[in-house]
N, C-alpha and C. Protein backbone atom coordinates (compact mmCIF):
# COMPACT_ATOMS: atom_id res chain seq x y z
N MET A 1 187.58 142.37 276.92
CA MET A 1 187.00 141.72 278.07
C MET A 1 187.43 142.39 279.37
N GLU A 2 188.72 142.80 279.47
CA GLU A 2 189.21 143.46 280.68
C GLU A 2 188.55 144.81 280.89
N VAL A 3 188.28 145.53 279.82
CA VAL A 3 187.65 146.84 279.93
C VAL A 3 186.25 146.69 280.51
N LYS A 4 185.51 145.70 280.04
CA LYS A 4 184.16 145.48 280.55
C LYS A 4 184.19 145.09 282.02
N SER A 5 185.14 144.27 282.43
CA SER A 5 185.26 143.83 283.82
C SER A 5 185.59 145.03 284.73
N GLY A 6 186.51 145.91 284.29
CA GLY A 6 186.87 147.09 285.07
C GLY A 6 185.71 148.06 285.20
N SER A 7 184.97 148.28 284.11
CA SER A 7 183.83 149.19 284.18
C SER A 7 182.70 148.60 285.01
N LYS A 8 182.59 147.28 285.04
CA LYS A 8 181.57 146.62 285.85
C LYS A 8 181.88 146.83 287.34
N ILE A 9 183.15 146.73 287.70
CA ILE A 9 183.56 146.97 289.10
C ILE A 9 183.29 148.42 289.48
N TRP A 10 183.64 149.36 288.60
CA TRP A 10 183.38 150.78 288.87
C TRP A 10 181.88 151.04 289.01
N GLY A 11 181.08 150.40 288.20
CA GLY A 11 179.63 150.56 288.29
C GLY A 11 179.10 150.10 289.63
N TRP A 12 179.56 148.93 290.10
CA TRP A 12 179.14 148.42 291.41
C TRP A 12 179.63 149.34 292.53
N LEU A 13 180.85 149.84 292.40
CA LEU A 13 181.40 150.73 293.42
C LEU A 13 180.59 152.02 293.50
N VAL A 14 180.25 152.61 292.37
CA VAL A 14 179.44 153.83 292.35
C VAL A 14 178.06 153.56 292.94
N ALA A 15 177.45 152.44 292.58
CA ALA A 15 176.13 152.09 293.12
C ALA A 15 176.19 151.92 294.64
N PHE A 16 177.26 151.27 295.13
CA PHE A 16 177.43 151.09 296.57
C PHE A 16 177.57 152.44 297.28
N LEU A 17 178.37 153.34 296.73
CA LEU A 17 178.56 154.66 297.33
C LEU A 17 177.26 155.48 297.33
N VAL A 18 176.47 155.37 296.28
CA VAL A 18 175.19 156.07 296.22
C VAL A 18 174.27 155.57 297.34
N VAL A 19 174.22 154.25 297.52
CA VAL A 19 173.38 153.67 298.59
C VAL A 19 173.87 154.14 299.96
N CYS A 20 175.19 154.16 300.17
CA CYS A 20 175.75 154.64 301.44
C CYS A 20 175.38 156.10 301.69
N ASN A 21 175.47 156.94 300.66
CA ASN A 21 175.11 158.35 300.80
C ASN A 21 173.63 158.53 301.14
N ILE A 22 172.79 157.75 300.50
CA ILE A 22 171.35 157.84 300.79
C ILE A 22 171.09 157.42 302.23
N ALA A 23 171.75 156.36 302.70
CA ALA A 23 171.58 155.90 304.07
C ALA A 23 172.06 156.97 305.06
N LEU A 24 173.18 157.60 304.76
CA LEU A 24 173.70 158.65 305.63
C LEU A 24 172.74 159.83 305.69
N LEU A 25 172.25 160.27 304.55
CA LEU A 25 171.30 161.38 304.53
C LEU A 25 170.02 161.04 305.29
N ALA A 26 169.54 159.82 305.14
CA ALA A 26 168.33 159.40 305.86
C ALA A 26 168.58 159.39 307.36
N THR A 27 169.75 158.92 307.77
CA THR A 27 170.09 158.90 309.19
C THR A 27 170.15 160.31 309.76
N ILE A 28 170.78 161.21 309.04
CA ILE A 28 170.88 162.60 309.50
C ILE A 28 169.49 163.24 309.55
N TRP A 29 168.69 163.01 308.53
CA TRP A 29 167.37 163.63 308.46
C TRP A 29 166.43 163.14 309.55
N MET A 30 166.51 161.84 309.86
CA MET A 30 165.59 161.23 310.82
C MET A 30 166.12 161.26 312.25
N LYS A 31 167.24 161.90 312.49
CA LYS A 31 167.85 161.93 313.82
C LYS A 31 166.85 162.45 314.85
N PRO A 32 166.67 161.75 315.98
CA PRO A 32 165.75 162.23 317.01
C PRO A 32 166.20 163.56 317.57
N GLY A 33 165.24 164.44 317.83
CA GLY A 33 165.54 165.73 318.43
C GLY A 33 166.01 166.77 317.45
N ARG A 34 165.98 166.48 316.17
CA ARG A 34 166.44 167.42 315.16
C ARG A 34 165.44 168.55 315.06
N SER A 35 165.90 169.76 315.36
CA SER A 35 165.01 170.91 315.28
C SER A 35 165.83 172.18 315.10
N ASN A 36 165.38 173.06 314.25
CA ASN A 36 166.06 174.33 314.03
C ASN A 36 165.31 175.49 314.64
N ILE A 37 164.29 175.21 315.42
CA ILE A 37 163.48 176.28 315.98
C ILE A 37 164.02 176.63 317.36
N PRO A 38 164.33 177.90 317.62
CA PRO A 38 164.89 178.28 318.89
C PRO A 38 163.86 178.25 320.01
N GLY A 39 164.34 178.50 321.22
CA GLY A 39 163.44 178.61 322.36
C GLY A 39 162.96 177.26 322.80
N LEU A 40 161.79 176.91 322.42
CA LEU A 40 161.19 175.67 322.86
C LEU A 40 161.35 174.58 321.81
N ALA A 41 162.49 174.55 321.14
CA ALA A 41 162.70 173.60 320.06
C ALA A 41 162.57 172.17 320.53
N GLY A 42 162.99 171.87 321.73
CA GLY A 42 162.95 170.50 322.20
C GLY A 42 161.59 170.02 322.62
N MET A 43 160.62 170.88 322.72
CA MET A 43 159.30 170.47 323.18
C MET A 43 158.70 169.49 322.19
N ASN A 44 158.48 168.27 322.66
CA ASN A 44 157.91 167.18 321.87
C ASN A 44 158.80 166.75 320.71
N ALA A 45 160.06 167.14 320.70
CA ALA A 45 160.94 166.81 319.58
C ALA A 45 161.34 165.35 319.59
N HIS A 46 161.54 164.76 320.75
CA HIS A 46 161.94 163.37 320.81
C HIS A 46 161.62 162.81 322.18
N PRO A 47 161.56 161.48 322.28
CA PRO A 47 161.29 160.87 323.57
C PRO A 47 162.36 161.25 324.56
N GLY A 48 161.96 161.62 325.76
CA GLY A 48 162.90 162.03 326.78
C GLY A 48 163.17 163.51 326.78
N GLY A 49 162.73 164.24 325.76
CA GLY A 49 162.91 165.68 325.72
C GLY A 49 161.90 166.36 326.63
N PRO A 50 162.01 167.66 326.81
CA PRO A 50 161.11 168.35 327.71
C PRO A 50 159.65 168.24 327.32
N GLY A 51 159.36 168.20 326.04
CA GLY A 51 157.97 168.06 325.62
C GLY A 51 157.39 166.71 325.98
N ALA A 52 158.26 165.69 325.96
CA ALA A 52 157.80 164.36 326.34
C ALA A 52 157.38 164.37 327.80
N ASN A 53 158.04 165.18 328.63
CA ASN A 53 157.65 165.28 330.03
C ASN A 53 156.23 165.79 330.15
N PHE A 54 155.88 166.79 329.38
CA PHE A 54 154.53 167.32 329.45
C PHE A 54 153.52 166.29 328.98
N ASN A 55 153.72 165.74 327.82
CA ASN A 55 152.72 164.84 327.25
C ASN A 55 152.67 163.50 327.98
N ALA A 56 153.80 162.89 328.20
CA ALA A 56 153.81 161.56 328.80
C ALA A 56 153.52 161.61 330.30
N GLN A 57 154.24 162.44 331.02
CA GLN A 57 154.09 162.46 332.47
C GLN A 57 152.80 163.12 332.92
N LEU A 58 152.35 164.14 332.20
CA LEU A 58 151.13 164.82 332.60
C LEU A 58 149.89 164.19 331.99
N SER A 59 150.09 163.28 331.07
CA SER A 59 148.97 162.59 330.40
C SER A 59 147.93 163.59 329.91
N PHE A 60 148.35 164.44 328.99
CA PHE A 60 147.43 165.42 328.41
C PHE A 60 146.23 164.73 327.79
N THR A 61 145.07 165.33 327.96
CA THR A 61 143.89 164.89 327.22
C THR A 61 144.04 165.39 325.79
N LYS A 62 143.20 164.94 324.90
CA LYS A 62 143.25 165.40 323.50
C LYS A 62 143.07 166.92 323.45
N GLU A 63 142.12 167.44 324.23
CA GLU A 63 141.88 168.89 324.23
C GLU A 63 143.08 169.65 324.78
N GLN A 64 143.68 169.13 325.86
CA GLN A 64 144.86 169.78 326.43
C GLN A 64 146.02 169.76 325.43
N ASN A 65 146.22 168.63 324.77
CA ASN A 65 147.30 168.52 323.80
C ASN A 65 147.11 169.50 322.65
N ASP A 66 145.87 169.59 322.14
CA ASP A 66 145.60 170.54 321.04
C ASP A 66 145.86 171.97 321.49
N LYS A 67 145.42 172.30 322.70
CA LYS A 67 145.63 173.65 323.23
C LYS A 67 147.12 173.92 323.43
N PHE A 68 147.84 172.91 323.95
CA PHE A 68 149.28 173.06 324.17
C PHE A 68 150.02 173.30 322.86
N ILE A 69 149.66 172.57 321.83
CA ILE A 69 150.32 172.74 320.52
C ILE A 69 150.11 174.16 320.01
N GLN A 70 148.90 174.69 320.15
CA GLN A 70 148.62 176.06 319.71
C GLN A 70 149.38 177.08 320.57
N MET A 71 149.39 176.85 321.89
CA MET A 71 150.11 177.76 322.79
C MET A 71 151.60 177.77 322.47
N ARG A 72 152.15 176.58 322.18
CA ARG A 72 153.57 176.48 321.87
C ARG A 72 153.90 177.22 320.57
N ALA A 73 153.04 177.09 319.57
CA ALA A 73 153.27 177.79 318.30
C ALA A 73 153.21 179.30 318.50
N ASP A 74 152.24 179.77 319.29
CA ASP A 74 152.15 181.21 319.58
C ASP A 74 153.38 181.68 320.35
N GLN A 75 153.84 180.87 321.31
CA GLN A 75 155.02 181.21 322.10
C GLN A 75 156.25 181.33 321.19
N ARG A 76 156.44 180.38 320.32
CA ARG A 76 157.59 180.42 319.40
C ARG A 76 157.57 181.68 318.55
N GLN A 77 156.39 182.05 318.07
CA GLN A 77 156.27 183.24 317.23
C GLN A 77 156.65 184.50 318.02
N ARG A 78 156.15 184.61 319.23
CA ARG A 78 156.47 185.79 320.05
C ARG A 78 157.96 185.84 320.40
N ILE A 79 158.50 184.71 320.80
CA ILE A 79 159.92 184.66 321.18
C ILE A 79 160.80 184.96 319.97
N ASP A 80 160.46 184.39 318.82
CA ASP A 80 161.25 184.64 317.61
C ASP A 80 161.28 186.12 317.25
N SER A 81 160.13 186.80 317.37
CA SER A 81 160.11 188.22 317.02
C SER A 81 160.93 189.03 318.02
N LEU A 82 160.88 188.67 319.31
CA LEU A 82 161.69 189.37 320.31
C LEU A 82 163.18 189.11 320.08
N LYS A 83 163.53 187.88 319.74
CA LYS A 83 164.93 187.55 319.47
C LYS A 83 165.44 188.30 318.25
N LYS A 84 164.60 188.46 317.25
CA LYS A 84 165.00 189.20 316.06
C LYS A 84 165.29 190.66 316.42
N LEU A 85 164.41 191.25 317.21
CA LEU A 85 164.63 192.63 317.64
C LEU A 85 165.89 192.75 318.49
N ALA A 86 166.11 191.78 319.38
CA ALA A 86 167.31 191.80 320.22
C ALA A 86 168.56 191.66 319.36
N ARG A 87 168.53 190.79 318.37
CA ARG A 87 169.68 190.59 317.48
C ARG A 87 169.98 191.87 316.70
N GLU A 88 168.93 192.54 316.19
CA GLU A 88 169.13 193.80 315.46
C GLU A 88 169.72 194.87 316.36
N THR A 89 169.24 194.94 317.60
CA THR A 89 169.77 195.92 318.55
C THR A 89 171.21 195.60 318.89
N ARG A 90 171.52 194.33 319.04
CA ARG A 90 172.90 193.92 319.34
C ARG A 90 173.83 194.32 318.19
N GLU A 91 173.37 194.15 316.96
CA GLU A 91 174.18 194.55 315.80
C GLU A 91 174.43 196.05 315.83
N GLN A 92 173.42 196.84 316.18
CA GLN A 92 173.61 198.29 316.30
C GLN A 92 174.60 198.60 317.41
N PHE A 93 174.49 197.86 318.52
CA PHE A 93 175.36 198.09 319.67
C PHE A 93 176.83 197.93 319.28
N PHE A 94 177.14 196.88 318.52
CA PHE A 94 178.52 196.61 318.15
C PHE A 94 178.94 197.24 316.82
N SER A 95 178.07 197.97 316.17
CA SER A 95 178.42 198.57 314.88
C SER A 95 179.52 199.62 315.02
N GLY A 96 179.66 200.20 316.20
CA GLY A 96 180.71 201.18 316.42
C GLY A 96 182.11 200.60 316.33
N LEU A 97 182.24 199.30 316.45
CA LEU A 97 183.55 198.68 316.32
C LEU A 97 184.00 198.64 314.88
N LYS A 98 183.07 198.68 313.93
CA LYS A 98 183.40 198.62 312.51
C LYS A 98 183.74 200.00 311.96
N GLY A 99 183.04 200.99 312.42
CA GLY A 99 183.22 202.34 311.88
C GLY A 99 183.63 203.30 312.98
N SER A 100 183.00 204.45 312.97
CA SER A 100 183.32 205.43 314.00
C SER A 100 182.72 205.00 315.34
N PRO A 101 183.45 205.21 316.43
CA PRO A 101 182.97 204.78 317.75
C PRO A 101 181.67 205.49 318.14
N GLN A 102 180.85 204.80 318.92
CA GLN A 102 179.60 205.38 319.39
C GLN A 102 179.84 206.08 320.72
N THR A 103 178.98 207.02 321.03
CA THR A 103 179.09 207.71 322.30
C THR A 103 178.66 206.79 323.43
N GLN A 104 179.11 207.09 324.63
CA GLN A 104 178.74 206.27 325.78
C GLN A 104 177.23 206.34 326.02
N ALA A 105 176.62 207.51 325.76
CA ALA A 105 175.17 207.63 325.93
C ALA A 105 174.43 206.72 324.96
N ARG A 106 174.91 206.62 323.72
CA ARG A 106 174.28 205.74 322.73
C ARG A 106 174.44 204.27 323.14
N LEU A 107 175.64 203.90 323.62
CA LEU A 107 175.86 202.54 324.08
C LEU A 107 174.97 202.21 325.27
N ASP A 108 174.85 203.15 326.21
CA ASP A 108 173.97 202.94 327.37
C ASP A 108 172.52 202.74 326.92
N SER A 109 172.09 203.55 325.97
CA SER A 109 170.72 203.46 325.48
C SER A 109 170.47 202.11 324.79
N LEU A 110 171.38 201.73 323.89
CA LEU A 110 171.23 200.45 323.20
C LEU A 110 171.33 199.28 324.18
N GLY A 111 172.22 199.39 325.16
CA GLY A 111 172.34 198.34 326.17
C GLY A 111 171.06 198.17 326.96
N SER A 112 170.42 199.28 327.29
CA SER A 112 169.15 199.21 328.02
C SER A 112 168.06 198.57 327.17
N VAL A 113 168.01 198.95 325.89
CA VAL A 113 167.01 198.36 324.98
C VAL A 113 167.25 196.86 324.85
N LEU A 114 168.51 196.48 324.67
CA LEU A 114 168.86 195.07 324.54
C LEU A 114 168.49 194.30 325.80
N GLY A 115 168.82 194.86 326.95
CA GLY A 115 168.46 194.23 328.22
C GLY A 115 166.95 194.10 328.38
N ASN A 116 166.21 195.08 327.89
CA ASN A 116 164.75 195.02 327.97
C ASN A 116 164.20 193.88 327.10
N TYR A 117 164.79 193.68 325.91
CA TYR A 117 164.35 192.56 325.07
C TYR A 117 164.61 191.23 325.76
N HIS A 118 165.75 191.10 326.40
CA HIS A 118 166.07 189.87 327.12
C HIS A 118 165.06 189.65 328.25
N LYS A 119 164.73 190.72 328.94
CA LYS A 119 163.74 190.64 330.02
C LYS A 119 162.38 190.21 329.46
N LEU A 120 161.98 190.79 328.34
CA LEU A 120 160.69 190.45 327.74
C LEU A 120 160.64 188.98 327.31
N ILE A 121 161.75 188.46 326.83
CA ILE A 121 161.82 187.06 326.44
C ILE A 121 161.59 186.17 327.66
N GLU A 122 162.27 186.48 328.75
CA GLU A 122 162.10 185.68 329.97
C GLU A 122 160.68 185.82 330.53
N MET A 123 160.13 187.02 330.49
CA MET A 123 158.77 187.23 330.98
C MET A 123 157.77 186.45 330.12
N GLN A 124 157.99 186.43 328.81
CA GLN A 124 157.11 185.70 327.92
C GLN A 124 157.20 184.19 328.17
N THR A 125 158.39 183.71 328.42
CA THR A 125 158.57 182.29 328.73
C THR A 125 157.85 181.94 330.02
N TYR A 126 157.98 182.80 331.02
CA TYR A 126 157.27 182.59 332.29
C TYR A 126 155.76 182.55 332.07
N GLU A 127 155.27 183.50 331.32
CA GLU A 127 153.83 183.59 331.07
C GLU A 127 153.34 182.35 330.32
N HIS A 128 154.12 181.86 329.38
CA HIS A 128 153.75 180.65 328.64
C HIS A 128 153.56 179.47 329.60
N PHE A 129 154.54 179.25 330.48
CA PHE A 129 154.44 178.12 331.39
C PHE A 129 153.35 178.34 332.45
N ARG A 130 153.07 179.57 332.79
CA ARG A 130 151.96 179.85 333.70
C ARG A 130 150.65 179.45 333.05
N GLN A 131 150.50 179.76 331.76
CA GLN A 131 149.29 179.38 331.03
C GLN A 131 149.18 177.86 330.87
N VAL A 132 150.32 177.20 330.66
CA VAL A 132 150.30 175.74 330.58
C VAL A 132 149.80 175.17 331.91
N LYS A 133 150.34 175.66 333.01
CA LYS A 133 149.92 175.16 334.32
C LYS A 133 148.45 175.44 334.57
N GLU A 134 147.98 176.59 334.11
CA GLU A 134 146.58 176.97 334.30
C GLU A 134 145.61 176.01 333.62
N MET A 135 146.00 175.42 332.50
CA MET A 135 145.09 174.53 331.77
C MET A 135 145.07 173.11 332.36
N LEU A 136 145.95 172.82 333.32
CA LEU A 136 146.04 171.49 333.89
C LEU A 136 144.96 171.24 334.93
N THR A 137 144.68 169.97 335.14
CA THR A 137 143.75 169.59 336.20
C THR A 137 144.50 169.64 337.53
N ASP A 138 143.75 169.58 338.63
CA ASP A 138 144.38 169.60 339.95
C ASP A 138 145.31 168.40 340.15
N ALA A 139 145.00 167.28 339.54
CA ALA A 139 145.85 166.09 339.65
C ALA A 139 147.16 166.26 338.86
N GLN A 140 147.14 167.02 337.78
CA GLN A 140 148.33 167.19 336.94
C GLN A 140 149.29 168.25 337.49
N LYS A 141 148.77 169.21 338.25
CA LYS A 141 149.60 170.34 338.71
C LYS A 141 150.79 169.92 339.58
N PRO A 142 150.66 168.97 340.52
CA PRO A 142 151.86 168.57 341.28
C PRO A 142 152.93 167.94 340.38
N LEU A 143 152.50 167.21 339.37
CA LEU A 143 153.47 166.64 338.43
C LEU A 143 154.18 167.74 337.65
N PHE A 144 153.42 168.74 337.23
CA PHE A 144 154.00 169.89 336.53
C PHE A 144 155.07 170.54 337.40
N ASP A 145 154.73 170.75 338.68
CA ASP A 145 155.67 171.39 339.61
C ASP A 145 156.96 170.59 339.74
N SER A 146 156.85 169.26 339.65
CA SER A 146 158.04 168.43 339.82
C SER A 146 158.92 168.37 338.57
N ILE A 147 158.37 168.65 337.39
CA ILE A 147 159.18 168.54 336.16
C ILE A 147 159.56 169.88 335.56
N ILE A 148 158.98 170.97 336.00
CA ILE A 148 159.23 172.27 335.35
C ILE A 148 160.70 172.68 335.45
N SER A 149 161.36 172.38 336.56
CA SER A 149 162.78 172.75 336.69
C SER A 149 163.62 172.05 335.64
N ASP A 150 163.36 170.76 335.41
CA ASP A 150 164.12 170.02 334.40
C ASP A 150 163.83 170.55 333.00
N VAL A 151 162.59 170.91 332.75
CA VAL A 151 162.23 171.46 331.44
C VAL A 151 162.98 172.77 331.20
N LEU A 152 163.00 173.64 332.20
CA LEU A 152 163.68 174.92 332.05
C LEU A 152 165.18 174.73 331.88
N LYS A 153 165.76 173.77 332.59
CA LYS A 153 167.19 173.51 332.45
C LYS A 153 167.54 172.99 331.07
N SER A 154 166.61 172.25 330.45
CA SER A 154 166.88 171.68 329.13
C SER A 154 166.73 172.70 328.01
N MET A 155 166.11 173.84 328.31
CA MET A 155 165.92 174.88 327.29
C MET A 155 167.21 175.69 327.16
N PRO A 156 167.49 176.21 325.98
CA PRO A 156 168.68 177.05 325.82
C PRO A 156 168.53 178.35 326.59
N GLU A 157 169.67 178.92 326.97
CA GLU A 157 169.63 180.21 327.63
C GLU A 157 169.01 181.22 326.68
N GLN A 158 168.22 182.10 327.20
CA GLN A 158 167.60 183.14 326.37
C GLN A 158 168.52 184.34 326.35
N PRO A 159 168.64 185.08 325.32
CA PRO A 159 168.01 184.92 324.03
C PRO A 159 168.89 184.18 323.05
N ARG A 160 169.91 183.50 323.54
CA ARG A 160 170.85 182.84 322.64
C ARG A 160 170.25 181.58 322.08
N TYR A 161 170.49 181.35 320.81
CA TYR A 161 170.07 180.11 320.18
C TYR A 161 170.95 179.85 318.99
N LYS A 162 170.89 178.63 318.53
CA LYS A 162 171.71 178.19 317.41
C LYS A 162 171.56 179.16 316.24
N GLY A 163 172.71 179.65 315.76
CA GLY A 163 172.67 180.51 314.60
C GLY A 163 172.70 181.99 314.92
N ASP A 164 172.78 182.36 316.21
CA ASP A 164 172.77 183.79 316.51
C ASP A 164 174.17 184.39 316.51
N GLY A 165 175.18 183.57 316.26
CA GLY A 165 176.53 184.07 316.13
C GLY A 165 177.26 184.21 317.46
N ILE A 166 176.63 183.84 318.57
CA ILE A 166 177.26 183.97 319.87
C ILE A 166 177.91 182.63 320.22
N ARG A 167 179.17 182.66 320.57
CA ARG A 167 179.87 181.45 320.97
C ARG A 167 180.05 181.50 322.48
N ARG A 168 179.73 180.40 323.14
CA ARG A 168 179.92 180.31 324.58
C ARG A 168 181.36 179.94 324.87
N GLN A 169 181.88 180.43 325.97
CA GLN A 169 183.21 180.07 326.41
C GLN A 169 183.09 178.89 327.36
N GLY A 170 184.10 178.09 327.42
CA GLY A 170 184.10 176.98 328.36
C GLY A 170 184.47 175.70 327.67
N PRO A 171 184.67 174.68 328.47
CA PRO A 171 185.07 173.40 327.90
C PRO A 171 183.96 172.78 327.08
N PRO A 172 184.31 171.91 326.13
CA PRO A 172 183.27 171.25 325.33
C PRO A 172 182.30 170.50 326.24
N GLY A 173 181.03 170.59 325.92
CA GLY A 173 180.01 169.92 326.71
C GLY A 173 179.51 170.75 327.87
N ASP A 174 180.19 171.85 328.17
CA ASP A 174 179.78 172.70 329.30
C ASP A 174 178.50 173.45 329.00
N ARG A 175 178.29 173.85 327.73
CA ARG A 175 177.11 174.55 327.25
C ARG A 175 176.83 175.84 328.01
N GLY A 176 177.84 176.38 328.71
CA GLY A 176 177.66 177.69 329.34
C GLY A 176 176.86 177.66 330.63
N HIS A 177 176.55 176.49 331.17
CA HIS A 177 175.75 176.40 332.39
C HIS A 177 176.69 176.24 333.58
N ARG A 178 177.10 177.35 334.14
CA ARG A 178 177.99 177.33 335.30
C ARG A 178 177.36 178.16 336.40
N PRO A 179 177.68 177.84 337.65
CA PRO A 179 177.18 178.69 338.72
C PRO A 179 177.89 180.03 338.68
N PRO A 180 177.26 181.08 339.22
CA PRO A 180 177.91 182.38 339.23
C PRO A 180 179.11 182.36 340.18
N PRO A 181 180.07 183.24 339.94
CA PRO A 181 181.24 183.28 340.83
C PRO A 181 180.82 183.79 342.21
N PRO A 182 181.61 183.45 343.24
CA PRO A 182 181.27 183.96 344.57
C PRO A 182 181.46 185.47 344.63
N PRO A 183 180.74 186.13 345.53
CA PRO A 183 180.90 187.59 345.67
C PRO A 183 182.32 187.94 346.09
N PRO A 184 182.78 189.16 345.76
CA PRO A 184 184.12 189.58 346.16
C PRO A 184 184.29 189.46 347.66
N GLY A 185 185.46 188.99 348.07
CA GLY A 185 185.75 188.85 349.50
C GLY A 185 185.39 187.48 350.03
N GLU A 186 184.69 186.66 349.28
CA GLU A 186 184.31 185.33 349.76
C GLU A 186 185.15 184.23 349.13
N MET A 187 186.14 184.61 348.32
CA MET A 187 187.00 183.60 347.70
C MET A 187 188.18 183.32 348.62
N ASP A 188 188.54 182.05 348.74
CA ASP A 188 189.72 181.66 349.52
C ASP A 188 190.90 181.50 348.59
N GLY A 189 191.73 182.50 348.48
CA GLY A 189 192.90 182.41 347.63
C GLY A 189 192.65 182.96 346.25
N PRO A 190 193.61 182.71 345.33
CA PRO A 190 193.49 183.24 343.97
C PRO A 190 192.43 182.48 343.18
N PRO A 191 191.93 183.09 342.11
CA PRO A 191 190.92 182.40 341.29
C PRO A 191 191.55 181.20 340.59
N PRO A 192 190.76 180.19 340.27
CA PRO A 192 191.29 179.02 339.59
C PRO A 192 191.73 179.39 338.18
N PRO A 193 192.68 178.62 337.62
CA PRO A 193 193.12 178.92 336.24
C PRO A 193 192.03 178.58 335.27
N PRO A 194 192.05 179.23 334.10
CA PRO A 194 191.05 178.92 333.05
C PRO A 194 191.19 177.47 332.62
N PRO A 195 190.10 176.88 332.09
CA PRO A 195 190.18 175.48 331.63
C PRO A 195 191.24 175.32 330.56
N GLY A 196 191.95 174.20 330.64
CA GLY A 196 192.94 173.89 329.62
C GLY A 196 194.33 174.35 329.97
N GLU A 197 194.53 174.94 331.13
CA GLU A 197 195.87 175.40 331.51
C GLU A 197 196.45 174.53 332.58
């Protein structure tokens, strides 16, 4: 009788843990804003995200929304291919640290190519938002002008995105968004100590 009672308790405990695991997985899976797509990942990902600003605040028509969805998919594809090329170039740039050192001319060349990819990513992002603004009605354009800064601030810095292996420096929650340092000669006194000291 005791053996059956003990196994019955274990059975209920296992069943309870299975239900808890399923609930946890469902919570993680359904989390608002969950997206693994770089660049414009937050667009329409969750209420309050940058995409919600476009759809809710600009009141897209059905045709505008359909066009925007297609434009966003094309934008992601172009940005992803540029990021892939930039990542490959970056790997070549730092490959000299693993083996024989690269010449300064090779580093300069790879640095220029890498910088050009970063420039192309920013230019493509600009062109995307220019096209979005172009499809708007005259009544929607002032609203677009008022929200575009917030949308751009909510986007990750280009070309960095989750999974690219780049770690930002700074305190937790800082996300690397700091103003640039003042020009030389404009600082009053010594520089501030690094965070955490």
